[in-house]
Amino acid sequence: MQKKYTPRPLDTSDVIIPESLDEIAEAMAKNVHEVWSQGRIDDGWTYGDTRDDENKKHPCLIPYEELSEREKDFDRHTSQETIKFLLKSGYLIIKDK
């Protein structure tokens, strides 16, 4: 029997990411893609024009810079929500000089 799962993410809709964090948010989005890509490659996936789970092919196994804006936005959303979570949880994000 499958258990019912109801996601309950922290509501970060009231958090505004300061412009000073735009650069790190984009760098984090790129890293999110790099981590995902490395995981896929480690699992035997390779590039393919279309997604093919059976043959482990995926069209997003390319450098972040070559992704469509739609695909980049997926990674950006992850990084932005992570930053919002940290800010909402009371953390300060500062760059060490």
N, C-alpha and C. Protein backbone atom coordinates (compact mmCIF):
# COMPACT_ATOMS: atom_id res chain seq x y z
N MET A 1 0.84 -1.17 0.00
CA MET A 1 0.00 0.00 0.00
C MET A 1 0.89 1.25 0.00
N GLN A 2 0.57 2.16 -0.88
CA GLN A 2 1.35 3.39 -0.98
C GLN A 2 0.84 4.42 0.02
N LYS A 3 1.78 5.02 0.74
CA LYS A 3 1.42 6.05 1.71
C LYS A 3 1.15 7.35 0.98
N LYS A 4 0.18 8.10 1.47
CA LYS A 4 -0.11 9.42 0.90
C LYS A 4 0.91 10.40 1.44
N TYR A 5 1.50 11.14 0.56
CA TYR A 5 2.51 12.13 0.92
C TYR A 5 1.99 13.50 0.54
N THR A 6 2.00 14.41 1.50
CA THR A 6 1.60 15.78 1.26
C THR A 6 2.79 16.70 1.54
N PRO A 7 3.43 17.22 0.49
CA PRO A 7 4.58 18.11 0.71
C PRO A 7 4.17 19.34 1.51
N ARG A 8 5.06 19.77 2.38
CA ARG A 8 4.82 20.96 3.20
C ARG A 8 6.07 21.83 3.22
N PRO A 9 6.40 22.43 2.07
CA PRO A 9 7.58 23.29 2.07
C PRO A 9 7.32 24.54 2.91
N LEU A 10 8.40 25.09 3.43
CA LEU A 10 8.31 26.33 4.18
C LEU A 10 7.77 27.42 3.24
N ASP A 11 6.80 28.16 3.68
CA ASP A 11 6.24 29.25 2.86
C ASP A 11 7.24 30.40 2.82
N THR A 12 7.84 30.59 1.66
CA THR A 12 8.83 31.66 1.49
C THR A 12 8.31 32.76 0.57
N SER A 13 7.01 32.78 0.36
CA SER A 13 6.44 33.74 -0.58
C SER A 13 6.64 35.19 -0.14
N ASP A 14 6.89 35.40 1.14
CA ASP A 14 7.09 36.76 1.64
C ASP A 14 8.56 37.19 1.64
N VAL A 15 9.45 36.32 1.20
CA VAL A 15 10.88 36.61 1.23
C VAL A 15 11.32 37.19 -0.11
N ILE A 16 11.97 38.31 -0.05
CA ILE A 16 12.54 38.95 -1.24
C ILE A 16 14.05 38.75 -1.21
N ILE A 17 14.58 38.19 -2.27
CA ILE A 17 16.02 37.99 -2.34
C ILE A 17 16.67 39.32 -2.71
N PRO A 18 17.58 39.81 -1.88
CA PRO A 18 18.25 41.08 -2.19
C PRO A 18 19.06 40.96 -3.49
N GLU A 19 19.12 42.06 -4.23
CA GLU A 19 19.89 42.08 -5.48
C GLU A 19 21.34 41.67 -5.27
N SER A 20 21.86 41.93 -4.09
CA SER A 20 23.24 41.57 -3.79
C SER A 20 23.48 40.06 -3.85
N LEU A 21 22.41 39.28 -3.83
CA LEU A 21 22.54 37.82 -3.89
C LEU A 21 22.23 37.25 -5.28
N ASP A 22 21.95 38.11 -6.25
CA ASP A 22 21.64 37.64 -7.60
C ASP A 22 22.77 36.79 -8.19
N GLU A 23 23.99 37.27 -8.00
CA GLU A 23 25.14 36.57 -8.58
C GLU A 23 25.31 35.17 -7.97
N ILE A 24 25.17 35.06 -6.67
CA ILE A 24 25.32 33.76 -6.03
C ILE A 24 24.13 32.86 -6.35
N ALA A 25 22.96 33.43 -6.52
CA ALA A 25 21.79 32.63 -6.89
C ALA A 25 22.00 31.98 -8.25
N GLU A 26 22.55 32.74 -9.20
CA GLU A 26 22.80 32.19 -10.54
C GLU A 26 23.94 31.15 -10.49
N ALA A 27 24.98 31.43 -9.71
CA ALA A 27 26.08 30.46 -9.56
C ALA A 27 25.57 29.17 -8.92
N MET A 28 24.66 29.31 -7.96
CA MET A 28 24.09 28.14 -7.31
C MET A 28 23.23 27.35 -8.30
N ALA A 29 22.47 28.05 -9.14
CA ALA A 29 21.65 27.37 -10.16
C ALA A 29 22.54 26.55 -11.08
N LYS A 30 23.65 27.13 -11.50
CA LYS A 30 24.59 26.40 -12.36
C LYS A 30 25.11 25.18 -11.62
N ASN A 31 25.45 25.34 -10.35
CA ASN A 31 25.97 24.21 -9.58
C ASN A 31 24.91 23.12 -9.38
N VAL A 32 23.66 23.52 -9.19
CA VAL A 32 22.56 22.55 -9.10
C VAL A 32 22.55 21.68 -10.36
N HIS A 33 22.68 22.32 -11.51
CA HIS A 33 22.71 21.57 -12.77
C HIS A 33 23.94 20.66 -12.83
N GLU A 34 25.08 21.17 -12.40
CA GLU A 34 26.31 20.38 -12.43
C GLU A 34 26.19 19.14 -11.54
N VAL A 35 25.62 19.31 -10.35
CA VAL A 35 25.44 18.18 -9.43
C VAL A 35 24.48 17.16 -10.03
N TRP A 36 23.36 17.65 -10.58
CA TRP A 36 22.39 16.76 -11.22
C TRP A 36 23.04 16.01 -12.37
N SER A 37 23.78 16.74 -13.22
CA SER A 37 24.43 16.11 -14.37
C SER A 37 25.43 15.06 -13.94
N GLN A 38 26.24 15.38 -12.94
CA GLN A 38 27.24 14.41 -12.47
C GLN A 38 26.58 13.16 -11.94
N GLY A 39 25.47 13.33 -11.22
CA GLY A 39 24.73 12.18 -10.71
C GLY A 39 24.21 11.30 -11.83
N ARG A 40 23.67 11.93 -12.86
CA ARG A 40 23.18 11.16 -14.01
C ARG A 40 24.31 10.42 -14.70
N ILE A 41 25.41 11.13 -14.95
CA ILE A 41 26.56 10.51 -15.62
C ILE A 41 27.10 9.35 -14.79
N ASP A 42 27.20 9.56 -13.48
CA ASP A 42 27.66 8.49 -12.59
C ASP A 42 26.75 7.27 -12.66
N ASP A 43 25.46 7.50 -12.95
CA ASP A 43 24.49 6.40 -13.07
C ASP A 43 24.44 5.82 -14.48
N GLY A 44 25.33 6.28 -15.36
CA GLY A 44 25.42 5.70 -16.70
C GLY A 44 24.63 6.42 -17.78
N TRP A 45 24.09 7.59 -17.47
CA TRP A 45 23.34 8.36 -18.46
C TRP A 45 24.30 9.08 -19.39
N THR A 46 23.85 9.30 -20.62
CA THR A 46 24.60 10.08 -21.60
C THR A 46 23.63 11.02 -22.31
N TYR A 47 24.22 11.94 -23.07
CA TYR A 47 23.40 12.89 -23.83
C TYR A 47 22.59 12.15 -24.89
N GLY A 48 21.36 12.63 -25.10
CA GLY A 48 20.51 12.16 -26.18
C GLY A 48 19.59 13.28 -26.59
N ASP A 49 19.22 13.32 -27.86
CA ASP A 49 18.34 14.40 -28.36
C ASP A 49 16.99 14.42 -27.65
N THR A 50 16.54 13.25 -27.21
CA THR A 50 15.28 13.15 -26.48
C THR A 50 15.51 12.29 -25.24
N ARG A 51 14.69 12.51 -24.25
CA ARG A 51 14.81 11.72 -23.02
C ARG A 51 14.38 10.29 -23.30
N ASP A 52 15.21 9.37 -22.85
CA ASP A 52 14.94 7.95 -23.03
C ASP A 52 15.40 7.24 -21.76
N ASP A 53 14.47 7.01 -20.84
CA ASP A 53 14.82 6.42 -19.55
C ASP A 53 15.39 5.01 -19.70
N GLU A 54 14.86 4.25 -20.62
CA GLU A 54 15.31 2.87 -20.81
C GLU A 54 16.77 2.80 -21.23
N ASN A 55 17.18 3.71 -22.12
CA ASN A 55 18.55 3.73 -22.62
C ASN A 55 19.42 4.79 -21.94
N LYS A 56 18.87 5.41 -20.91
CA LYS A 56 19.58 6.41 -20.11
C LYS A 56 20.17 7.53 -20.97
N LYS A 57 19.29 8.16 -21.74
CA LYS A 57 19.67 9.31 -22.56
C LYS A 57 18.88 10.52 -22.07
N HIS A 58 19.52 11.69 -22.04
CA HIS A 58 18.83 12.89 -21.58
C HIS A 58 19.36 14.12 -22.32
N PRO A 59 18.46 14.95 -22.85
CA PRO A 59 18.89 16.12 -23.61
C PRO A 59 19.48 17.25 -22.76
N CYS A 60 19.35 17.18 -21.45
CA CYS A 60 19.88 18.24 -20.60
C CYS A 60 21.29 17.93 -20.07
N LEU A 61 21.89 16.87 -20.55
CA LEU A 61 23.27 16.58 -20.16
C LEU A 61 24.22 17.38 -21.04
N ILE A 62 24.12 18.68 -20.85
CA ILE A 62 24.93 19.67 -21.58
C ILE A 62 25.33 20.74 -20.57
N PRO A 63 26.31 21.58 -20.92
CA PRO A 63 26.68 22.66 -20.00
C PRO A 63 25.49 23.58 -19.71
N TYR A 64 25.46 24.10 -18.50
CA TYR A 64 24.38 24.99 -18.06
C TYR A 64 24.13 26.11 -19.06
N GLU A 65 25.21 26.69 -19.58
CA GLU A 65 25.10 27.82 -20.50
C GLU A 65 24.35 27.46 -21.77
N GLU A 66 24.30 26.18 -22.12
CA GLU A 66 23.62 25.74 -23.34
C GLU A 66 22.17 25.31 -23.11
N LEU A 67 21.75 25.29 -21.86
CA LEU A 67 20.36 24.93 -21.57
C LEU A 67 19.42 26.01 -22.07
N SER A 68 18.19 25.62 -22.36
CA SER A 68 17.16 26.61 -22.69
C SER A 68 16.86 27.41 -21.44
N GLU A 69 16.28 28.59 -21.61
CA GLU A 69 15.91 29.41 -20.45
C GLU A 69 14.92 28.67 -19.57
N ARG A 70 14.06 27.89 -20.16
CA ARG A 70 13.08 27.10 -19.39
C ARG A 70 13.79 26.12 -18.46
N GLU A 71 14.80 25.45 -18.98
CA GLU A 71 15.55 24.50 -18.15
C GLU A 71 16.37 25.23 -17.10
N LYS A 72 16.99 26.36 -17.47
CA LYS A 72 17.74 27.14 -16.49
C LYS A 72 16.82 27.62 -15.37
N ASP A 73 15.60 28.00 -15.72
CA ASP A 73 14.64 28.48 -14.72
C ASP A 73 14.32 27.41 -13.69
N PHE A 74 14.32 26.14 -14.10
CA PHE A 74 14.10 25.04 -13.16
C PHE A 74 15.18 25.04 -12.10
N ASP A 75 16.44 25.17 -12.53
CA ASP A 75 17.57 25.21 -11.59
C ASP A 75 17.58 26.51 -10.79
N ARG A 76 17.21 27.61 -11.42
CA ARG A 76 17.14 28.90 -10.71
C ARG A 76 16.11 28.85 -9.60
N HIS A 77 14.99 28.23 -9.88
CA HIS A 77 13.93 28.11 -8.86
C HIS A 77 14.47 27.37 -7.64
N THR A 78 15.20 26.29 -7.87
CA THR A 78 15.78 25.53 -6.77
C THR A 78 16.74 26.40 -5.96
N SER A 79 17.62 27.12 -6.64
CA SER A 79 18.59 27.94 -5.91
C SER A 79 17.90 29.09 -5.18
N GLN A 80 16.94 29.72 -5.82
CA GLN A 80 16.25 30.84 -5.18
C GLN A 80 15.45 30.38 -3.96
N GLU A 81 14.81 29.24 -4.06
CA GLU A 81 14.06 28.72 -2.91
C GLU A 81 14.98 28.33 -1.78
N THR A 82 16.17 27.86 -2.10
CA THR A 82 17.15 27.53 -1.07
C THR A 82 17.60 28.79 -0.35
N ILE A 83 17.88 29.83 -1.10
CA ILE A 83 18.27 31.11 -0.50
C ILE A 83 17.12 31.67 0.35
N LYS A 84 15.92 31.63 -0.16
CA LYS A 84 14.76 32.11 0.60
C LYS A 84 14.59 31.32 1.90
N PHE A 85 14.79 30.01 1.82
CA PHE A 85 14.68 29.17 3.01
C PHE A 85 15.69 29.61 4.07
N LEU A 86 16.93 29.84 3.65
CA LEU A 86 17.97 30.28 4.58
C LEU A 86 17.61 31.62 5.21
N LEU A 87 17.19 32.57 4.38
CA LEU A 87 16.83 33.90 4.88
C LEU A 87 15.65 33.82 5.84
N LYS A 88 14.63 33.06 5.47
CA LYS A 88 13.44 32.94 6.31
C LYS A 88 13.78 32.26 7.64
N SER A 89 14.79 31.39 7.61
CA SER A 89 15.20 30.67 8.81
C SER A 89 16.12 31.49 9.71
N GLY A 90 16.37 32.75 9.30
CA GLY A 90 17.14 33.65 10.15
C GLY A 90 18.62 33.73 9.85
N TYR A 91 19.06 33.09 8.78
CA TYR A 91 20.48 33.14 8.42
C TYR A 91 20.80 34.39 7.61
N LEU A 92 21.99 34.87 7.79
CA LEU A 92 22.51 35.97 6.99
C LEU A 92 23.46 35.37 5.96
N ILE A 93 23.37 35.85 4.75
CA ILE A 93 24.27 35.39 3.70
C ILE A 93 25.19 36.55 3.35
N ILE A 94 26.45 36.39 3.73
CA ILE A 94 27.43 37.44 3.46
C ILE A 94 28.64 36.82 2.78
N LYS A 95 29.25 37.58 1.92
CA LYS A 95 30.44 37.11 1.23
C LYS A 95 31.65 37.46 2.07
N ASP A 96 32.47 36.45 2.35
CA ASP A 96 33.70 36.67 3.09
C ASP A 96 34.69 37.35 2.16
N LYS A 97 35.24 38.46 2.61
CA LYS A 97 36.12 39.23 1.73
C LYS A 97 37.49 38.67 1.61
